[in-house]
Amino acid sequence: MAISNLSENLEDNSKLIHHSDRGTQYCSNEYVKLLQTNNIQISMTQNGDPLENAIAERVNGIIKEEYLNDYQIENQKEAEELLKTVVELYNNERPHMSIGNLTPNQVHQNNIKTQKLWKNYYLKNPIIVNQ
């Protein structure tokens, strides 16, 4: 559906990136060929570990729930402009509890070492089934 709804104004699909975990539906030959045929770049997590995608999923959830639910987007240009503004707010204005109520840019620009304020419930060396 996404491919059929691509804007005709988009001259070069190679600027598009499809990011996913390594779910079987995204790794199937048919799906990969569909992306390649439409000149869409493919990006996947490294090894299928759900922990790799956790941060991205958290950020995407915050952006959707806290920022995007209140907007009606009419076209790709509006979406790009709004997303750029939202990412700026997320990085510069929104304090994050996990980094001592600082913003990501405060931490990165000032090289602040933050204390880990969350608990990891996953084993450090999980047993991998069917290696």
N, C-alpha and C. Protein backbone atom coordinates (compact mmCIF):
# COMPACT_ATOMS: atom_id res chain seq x y z
N MET A 1 0.83 -1.19 0.00
CA MET A 1 0.00 0.00 0.00
C MET A 1 0.87 1.25 0.00
N ALA A 2 1.94 1.23 0.78
CA ALA A 2 2.82 2.40 0.86
C ALA A 2 3.42 2.71 -0.51
N ILE A 3 3.86 1.69 -1.20
CA ILE A 3 4.48 1.90 -2.52
C ILE A 3 3.44 2.43 -3.50
N SER A 4 2.24 1.92 -3.46
CA SER A 4 1.21 2.40 -4.40
C SER A 4 0.80 3.83 -4.09
N ASN A 5 1.02 4.29 -2.87
CA ASN A 5 0.66 5.65 -2.49
C ASN A 5 1.82 6.64 -2.54
N LEU A 6 2.97 6.20 -3.07
CA LEU A 6 4.10 7.12 -3.18
C LEU A 6 3.71 8.32 -4.02
N SER A 7 4.17 9.46 -3.60
CA SER A 7 3.89 10.70 -4.32
C SER A 7 4.52 10.65 -5.70
N GLU A 8 3.78 11.08 -6.68
CA GLU A 8 4.35 11.15 -8.03
C GLU A 8 5.43 12.20 -8.11
N ASN A 9 5.46 13.12 -7.13
CA ASN A 9 6.48 14.17 -7.11
C ASN A 9 7.83 13.64 -6.63
N LEU A 10 7.82 12.46 -6.05
CA LEU A 10 9.06 11.88 -5.55
C LEU A 10 9.80 11.27 -6.73
N GLU A 11 10.83 11.97 -7.19
CA GLU A 11 11.54 11.55 -8.39
C GLU A 11 12.46 10.37 -8.14
N ASP A 12 13.01 10.27 -6.91
CA ASP A 12 14.03 9.27 -6.65
C ASP A 12 13.70 8.50 -5.37
N ASN A 13 13.17 7.28 -5.53
CA ASN A 13 12.84 6.45 -4.38
C ASN A 13 14.07 6.04 -3.58
N SER A 14 15.28 6.16 -4.16
CA SER A 14 16.47 5.71 -3.44
C SER A 14 16.70 6.54 -2.18
N LYS A 15 15.99 7.67 -2.05
CA LYS A 15 16.07 8.46 -0.83
C LYS A 15 15.24 7.83 0.29
N LEU A 16 14.38 6.88 -0.07
CA LEU A 16 13.54 6.21 0.92
C LEU A 16 14.30 5.05 1.54
N ILE A 17 14.11 4.88 2.84
CA ILE A 17 14.75 3.78 3.57
C ILE A 17 13.67 3.04 4.33
N HIS A 18 13.59 1.75 4.12
CA HIS A 18 12.65 0.91 4.87
C HIS A 18 13.44 0.23 5.98
N HIS A 19 13.16 0.62 7.24
CA HIS A 19 13.86 0.01 8.37
C HIS A 19 12.93 -0.97 9.06
N SER A 20 13.47 -2.13 9.41
CA SER A 20 12.67 -3.15 10.09
C SER A 20 13.56 -4.02 10.95
N ASP A 21 12.91 -4.83 11.76
CA ASP A 21 13.66 -5.87 12.46
C ASP A 21 13.86 -6.99 11.44
N ARG A 22 14.33 -8.11 11.87
CA ARG A 22 14.57 -9.21 10.94
C ARG A 22 13.42 -10.21 10.93
N GLY A 23 12.21 -9.70 11.01
CA GLY A 23 11.05 -10.57 10.93
C GLY A 23 11.03 -11.30 9.60
N THR A 24 10.50 -12.50 9.60
CA THR A 24 10.53 -13.31 8.38
C THR A 24 9.84 -12.63 7.22
N GLN A 25 8.78 -11.85 7.51
CA GLN A 25 8.07 -11.18 6.41
C GLN A 25 8.97 -10.14 5.74
N TYR A 26 9.88 -9.50 6.50
CA TYR A 26 10.75 -8.47 5.94
C TYR A 26 11.99 -9.06 5.26
N CYS A 27 12.32 -10.29 5.60
CA CYS A 27 13.49 -10.95 5.01
C CYS A 27 13.13 -11.83 3.82
N SER A 28 11.85 -12.00 3.57
CA SER A 28 11.44 -12.91 2.49
C SER A 28 11.91 -12.37 1.14
N ASN A 29 12.21 -13.29 0.24
CA ASN A 29 12.68 -12.91 -1.09
C ASN A 29 11.69 -11.99 -1.79
N GLU A 30 10.42 -12.28 -1.66
CA GLU A 30 9.39 -11.48 -2.35
C GLU A 30 9.38 -10.04 -1.83
N TYR A 31 9.49 -9.86 -0.53
CA TYR A 31 9.45 -8.52 0.06
C TYR A 31 10.71 -7.73 -0.30
N VAL A 32 11.86 -8.38 -0.17
CA VAL A 32 13.13 -7.73 -0.51
C VAL A 32 13.13 -7.33 -1.99
N LYS A 33 12.65 -8.21 -2.85
CA LYS A 33 12.60 -7.90 -4.29
C LYS A 33 11.67 -6.71 -4.56
N LEU A 34 10.54 -6.64 -3.83
CA LEU A 34 9.61 -5.53 -3.99
C LEU A 34 10.30 -4.20 -3.66
N LEU A 35 11.06 -4.16 -2.58
CA LEU A 35 11.78 -2.94 -2.21
C LEU A 35 12.86 -2.61 -3.25
N GLN A 36 13.61 -3.62 -3.65
CA GLN A 36 14.68 -3.40 -4.63
C GLN A 36 14.11 -2.92 -5.97
N THR A 37 13.02 -3.52 -6.41
CA THR A 37 12.39 -3.13 -7.67
C THR A 37 11.97 -1.67 -7.64
N ASN A 38 11.57 -1.19 -6.46
CA ASN A 38 11.13 0.19 -6.33
C ASN A 38 12.24 1.12 -5.84
N ASN A 39 13.49 0.62 -5.89
CA ASN A 39 14.67 1.42 -5.58
C ASN A 39 14.63 2.01 -4.16
N ILE A 40 14.10 1.21 -3.21
CA ILE A 40 14.00 1.64 -1.81
C ILE A 40 15.11 0.94 -1.04
N GLN A 41 15.89 1.73 -0.29
CA GLN A 41 16.98 1.16 0.50
C GLN A 41 16.42 0.30 1.64
N ILE A 42 17.16 -0.72 2.00
CA ILE A 42 16.75 -1.64 3.05
C ILE A 42 17.68 -1.48 4.25
N SER A 43 17.08 -1.34 5.42
CA SER A 43 17.84 -1.24 6.67
C SER A 43 17.20 -2.20 7.67
N MET A 44 18.02 -3.04 8.29
CA MET A 44 17.52 -4.00 9.29
C MET A 44 18.43 -4.00 10.50
N THR A 45 17.88 -4.45 11.62
CA THR A 45 18.70 -4.61 12.80
C THR A 45 19.79 -5.63 12.49
N GLN A 46 20.87 -5.57 13.23
CA GLN A 46 22.03 -6.41 12.94
C GLN A 46 21.76 -7.90 13.07
N ASN A 47 21.22 -8.33 14.22
CA ASN A 47 21.13 -9.78 14.42
C ASN A 47 19.77 -10.27 14.90
N GLY A 48 18.75 -9.43 14.82
CA GLY A 48 17.42 -9.88 15.21
C GLY A 48 17.17 -9.80 16.69
N ASP A 49 18.10 -9.29 17.47
CA ASP A 49 17.92 -9.14 18.91
C ASP A 49 16.91 -8.03 19.16
N PRO A 50 15.81 -8.32 19.88
CA PRO A 50 14.80 -7.28 20.10
C PRO A 50 15.34 -6.07 20.86
N LEU A 51 16.42 -6.23 21.58
CA LEU A 51 17.00 -5.10 22.31
C LEU A 51 17.57 -4.06 21.35
N GLU A 52 17.98 -4.47 20.16
CA GLU A 52 18.54 -3.53 19.19
C GLU A 52 17.52 -2.50 18.73
N ASN A 53 16.28 -2.90 18.68
CA ASN A 53 15.24 -2.02 18.16
C ASN A 53 14.50 -1.27 19.26
N ALA A 54 14.78 -1.58 20.52
CA ALA A 54 14.01 -1.01 21.63
C ALA A 54 14.09 0.52 21.66
N ILE A 55 15.26 1.07 21.49
CA ILE A 55 15.40 2.52 21.55
C ILE A 55 14.65 3.17 20.39
N ALA A 56 14.78 2.64 19.20
CA ALA A 56 14.07 3.19 18.05
C ALA A 56 12.56 3.10 18.26
N GLU A 57 12.08 1.98 18.77
CA GLU A 57 10.65 1.83 19.01
C GLU A 57 10.17 2.83 20.05
N ARG A 58 10.96 3.05 21.08
CA ARG A 58 10.60 4.01 22.13
C ARG A 58 10.52 5.42 21.56
N VAL A 59 11.52 5.81 20.79
CA VAL A 59 11.54 7.14 20.19
C VAL A 59 10.35 7.30 19.23
N ASN A 60 10.11 6.30 18.38
CA ASN A 60 8.98 6.38 17.45
C ASN A 60 7.66 6.49 18.20
N GLY A 61 7.51 5.74 19.28
CA GLY A 61 6.28 5.79 20.08
C GLY A 61 6.07 7.17 20.68
N ILE A 62 7.12 7.76 21.23
CA ILE A 62 7.01 9.09 21.81
C ILE A 62 6.64 10.11 20.75
N ILE A 63 7.31 10.04 19.61
CA ILE A 63 7.02 10.99 18.54
C ILE A 63 5.56 10.87 18.09
N LYS A 64 5.08 9.65 17.91
CA LYS A 64 3.69 9.46 17.48
C LYS A 64 2.70 9.92 18.54
N GLU A 65 2.88 9.45 19.78
CA GLU A 65 1.90 9.71 20.83
C GLU A 65 1.93 11.14 21.35
N GLU A 66 3.11 11.72 21.51
CA GLU A 66 3.21 13.03 22.13
C GLU A 66 3.16 14.18 21.14
N TYR A 67 3.47 13.92 19.89
CA TYR A 67 3.56 15.01 18.93
C TYR A 67 2.63 14.87 17.72
N LEU A 68 2.59 13.72 17.11
CA LEU A 68 1.94 13.61 15.81
C LEU A 68 0.44 13.34 15.84
N ASN A 69 -0.08 12.85 16.96
CA ASN A 69 -1.51 12.52 17.01
C ASN A 69 -2.43 13.72 16.80
N ASP A 70 -1.95 14.91 17.07
CA ASP A 70 -2.80 16.10 16.99
C ASP A 70 -2.72 16.83 15.67
N TYR A 71 -2.07 16.26 14.68
CA TYR A 71 -1.90 16.94 13.39
C TYR A 71 -2.56 16.16 12.27
N GLN A 72 -3.10 16.88 11.31
CA GLN A 72 -3.63 16.28 10.09
C GLN A 72 -2.61 16.58 8.99
N ILE A 73 -1.96 15.56 8.48
CA ILE A 73 -0.93 15.71 7.46
C ILE A 73 -1.58 15.52 6.10
N GLU A 74 -1.35 16.46 5.20
CA GLU A 74 -1.97 16.40 3.87
C GLU A 74 -1.05 15.86 2.79
N ASN A 75 0.27 16.01 2.97
CA ASN A 75 1.18 15.56 1.92
C ASN A 75 2.57 15.28 2.52
N GLN A 76 3.45 14.77 1.68
CA GLN A 76 4.78 14.37 2.15
C GLN A 76 5.59 15.58 2.64
N LYS A 77 5.47 16.70 1.97
CA LYS A 77 6.22 17.89 2.37
C LYS A 77 5.82 18.32 3.78
N GLU A 78 4.52 18.34 4.07
CA GLU A 78 4.05 18.70 5.41
C GLU A 78 4.58 17.70 6.44
N ALA A 79 4.58 16.42 6.09
CA ALA A 79 5.06 15.39 7.01
C ALA A 79 6.54 15.60 7.31
N GLU A 80 7.33 15.88 6.28
CA GLU A 80 8.77 16.10 6.47
C GLU A 80 9.04 17.31 7.35
N GLU A 81 8.31 18.41 7.10
CA GLU A 81 8.50 19.63 7.89
C GLU A 81 8.11 19.42 9.35
N LEU A 82 6.97 18.75 9.57
CA LEU A 82 6.52 18.49 10.93
C LEU A 82 7.48 17.56 11.66
N LEU A 83 7.93 16.52 10.97
CA LEU A 83 8.85 15.58 11.61
C LEU A 83 10.16 16.26 11.97
N LYS A 84 10.65 17.14 11.11
CA LYS A 84 11.88 17.89 11.42
C LYS A 84 11.69 18.73 12.68
N THR A 85 10.56 19.41 12.79
CA THR A 85 10.26 20.22 13.97
C THR A 85 10.15 19.35 15.22
N VAL A 86 9.49 18.21 15.09
CA VAL A 86 9.30 17.30 16.23
C VAL A 86 10.64 16.75 16.70
N VAL A 87 11.52 16.37 15.79
CA VAL A 87 12.83 15.84 16.17
C VAL A 87 13.63 16.93 16.89
N GLU A 88 13.54 18.17 16.42
CA GLU A 88 14.22 19.29 17.10
C GLU A 88 13.69 19.45 18.53
N LEU A 89 12.37 19.41 18.69
CA LEU A 89 11.78 19.51 20.03
C LEU A 89 12.24 18.34 20.91
N TYR A 90 12.20 17.15 20.35
CA TYR A 90 12.57 15.95 21.10
C TYR A 90 14.02 16.04 21.59
N ASN A 91 14.91 16.51 20.75
CA ASN A 91 16.33 16.56 21.10
C ASN A 91 16.74 17.79 21.91
N ASN A 92 15.99 18.88 21.78
CA ASN A 92 16.41 20.13 22.41
C ASN A 92 15.51 20.64 23.53
N GLU A 93 14.25 20.24 23.55
CA GLU A 93 13.30 20.80 24.51
C GLU A 93 12.76 19.80 25.52
N ARG A 94 12.65 18.55 25.12
CA ARG A 94 11.99 17.54 25.96
C ARG A 94 12.99 16.89 26.90
N PRO A 95 12.81 17.09 28.23
CA PRO A 95 13.71 16.39 29.16
C PRO A 95 13.40 14.89 29.18
N HIS A 96 14.43 14.09 29.37
CA HIS A 96 14.28 12.64 29.37
C HIS A 96 14.64 12.11 30.76
N MET A 97 13.71 11.39 31.37
CA MET A 97 13.97 10.86 32.71
C MET A 97 15.18 9.93 32.73
N SER A 98 15.38 9.20 31.65
CA SER A 98 16.47 8.22 31.62
C SER A 98 17.85 8.86 31.61
N ILE A 99 17.93 10.17 31.37
CA ILE A 99 19.22 10.87 31.38
C ILE A 99 19.17 12.06 32.34
N GLY A 100 18.53 11.85 33.50
CA GLY A 100 18.53 12.85 34.55
C GLY A 100 17.74 14.10 34.23
N ASN A 101 16.66 13.96 33.47
CA ASN A 101 15.81 15.07 33.06
C ASN A 101 16.56 16.15 32.27
N LEU A 102 17.56 15.72 31.54
CA LEU A 102 18.24 16.59 30.59
C LEU A 102 17.72 16.27 29.20
N THR A 103 18.06 17.11 28.23
CA THR A 103 17.71 16.79 26.85
C THR A 103 18.86 16.02 26.22
N PRO A 104 18.60 15.24 25.18
CA PRO A 104 19.69 14.52 24.52
C PRO A 104 20.83 15.45 24.08
N ASN A 105 20.51 16.61 23.54
CA ASN A 105 21.57 17.51 23.08
C ASN A 105 22.38 18.09 24.24
N GLN A 106 21.75 18.31 25.40
CA GLN A 106 22.53 18.76 26.55
C GLN A 106 23.58 17.72 26.92
N VAL A 107 23.16 16.47 26.90
CA VAL A 107 24.08 15.38 27.26
C VAL A 107 25.20 15.26 26.23
N HIS A 108 24.85 15.26 24.94
CA HIS A 108 25.85 15.07 23.89
C HIS A 108 26.78 16.27 23.75
N GLN A 109 26.24 17.47 23.75
CA GLN A 109 27.07 18.66 23.53
C GLN A 109 28.01 18.94 24.70
N ASN A 110 27.59 18.57 25.91
CA ASN A 110 28.40 18.85 27.08
C ASN A 110 29.15 17.62 27.57
N ASN A 111 29.08 16.53 26.80
CA ASN A 111 29.78 15.29 27.15
C ASN A 111 29.50 14.85 28.58
N ILE A 112 28.22 14.92 28.97
CA ILE A 112 27.81 14.59 30.33
C ILE A 112 27.68 13.07 30.45
N LYS A 113 28.28 12.53 31.48
CA LYS A 113 28.12 11.10 31.77
C LYS A 113 26.89 10.96 32.64
N THR A 114 25.92 10.20 32.17
CA THR A 114 24.68 10.03 32.93
C THR A 114 24.67 8.66 33.59
N GLN A 115 23.94 8.61 34.69
CA GLN A 115 23.80 7.34 35.39
C GLN A 115 22.62 6.59 34.78
N LYS A 116 22.78 5.30 34.61
CA LYS A 116 21.72 4.47 34.05
C LYS A 116 20.56 4.43 35.05
N LEU A 117 19.39 4.92 34.63
CA LEU A 117 18.25 5.02 35.52
C LEU A 117 17.14 4.02 35.18
N TRP A 118 17.49 2.96 34.47
CA TRP A 118 16.51 1.95 34.13
C TRP A 118 17.09 0.58 34.40
N LYS A 119 16.24 -0.40 34.48
CA LYS A 119 16.68 -1.76 34.75
C LYS A 119 16.53 -2.60 33.49
N ASN A 120 17.55 -3.40 33.21
CA ASN A 120 17.52 -4.31 32.08
C ASN A 120 17.10 -5.68 32.59
N TYR A 121 15.99 -6.18 32.10
CA TYR A 121 15.48 -7.47 32.55
C TYR A 121 15.99 -8.64 31.71
N TYR A 122 16.81 -8.35 30.70
CA TYR A 122 17.33 -9.39 29.84
C TYR A 122 18.66 -9.91 30.39
N LEU A 123 18.92 -11.16 30.13
CA LEU A 123 20.18 -11.77 30.54
C LEU A 123 21.32 -11.14 29.73
N LYS A 124 22.48 -11.02 30.38
CA LYS A 124 23.64 -10.44 29.67
C LYS A 124 24.15 -11.36 28.59
N ASN A 125 24.12 -12.67 28.81
CA ASN A 125 24.58 -13.64 27.83
C ASN A 125 23.48 -14.66 27.57
N PRO A 126 22.45 -14.26 26.84
CA PRO A 126 21.34 -15.17 26.61
C PRO A 126 21.78 -16.38 25.79
N ILE A 127 21.13 -17.47 26.02
CA ILE A 127 21.39 -18.67 25.24
C ILE A 127 20.66 -18.52 23.91
N ILE A 128 21.37 -18.67 22.83
CA ILE A 128 20.76 -18.51 21.50
C ILE A 128 20.32 -19.88 21.02
N VAL A 129 19.05 -20.00 20.72
CA VAL A 129 18.49 -21.26 20.25
C VAL A 129 18.69 -21.36 18.74
N ASN A 130 19.01 -22.52 18.26
CA ASN A 130 19.21 -22.76 16.82
C ASN A 130 20.23 -21.79 16.22
N GLN A 131 21.41 -21.77 16.75
CA GLN A 131 22.45 -20.83 16.25
C GLN A 131 22.71 -21.02 14.78
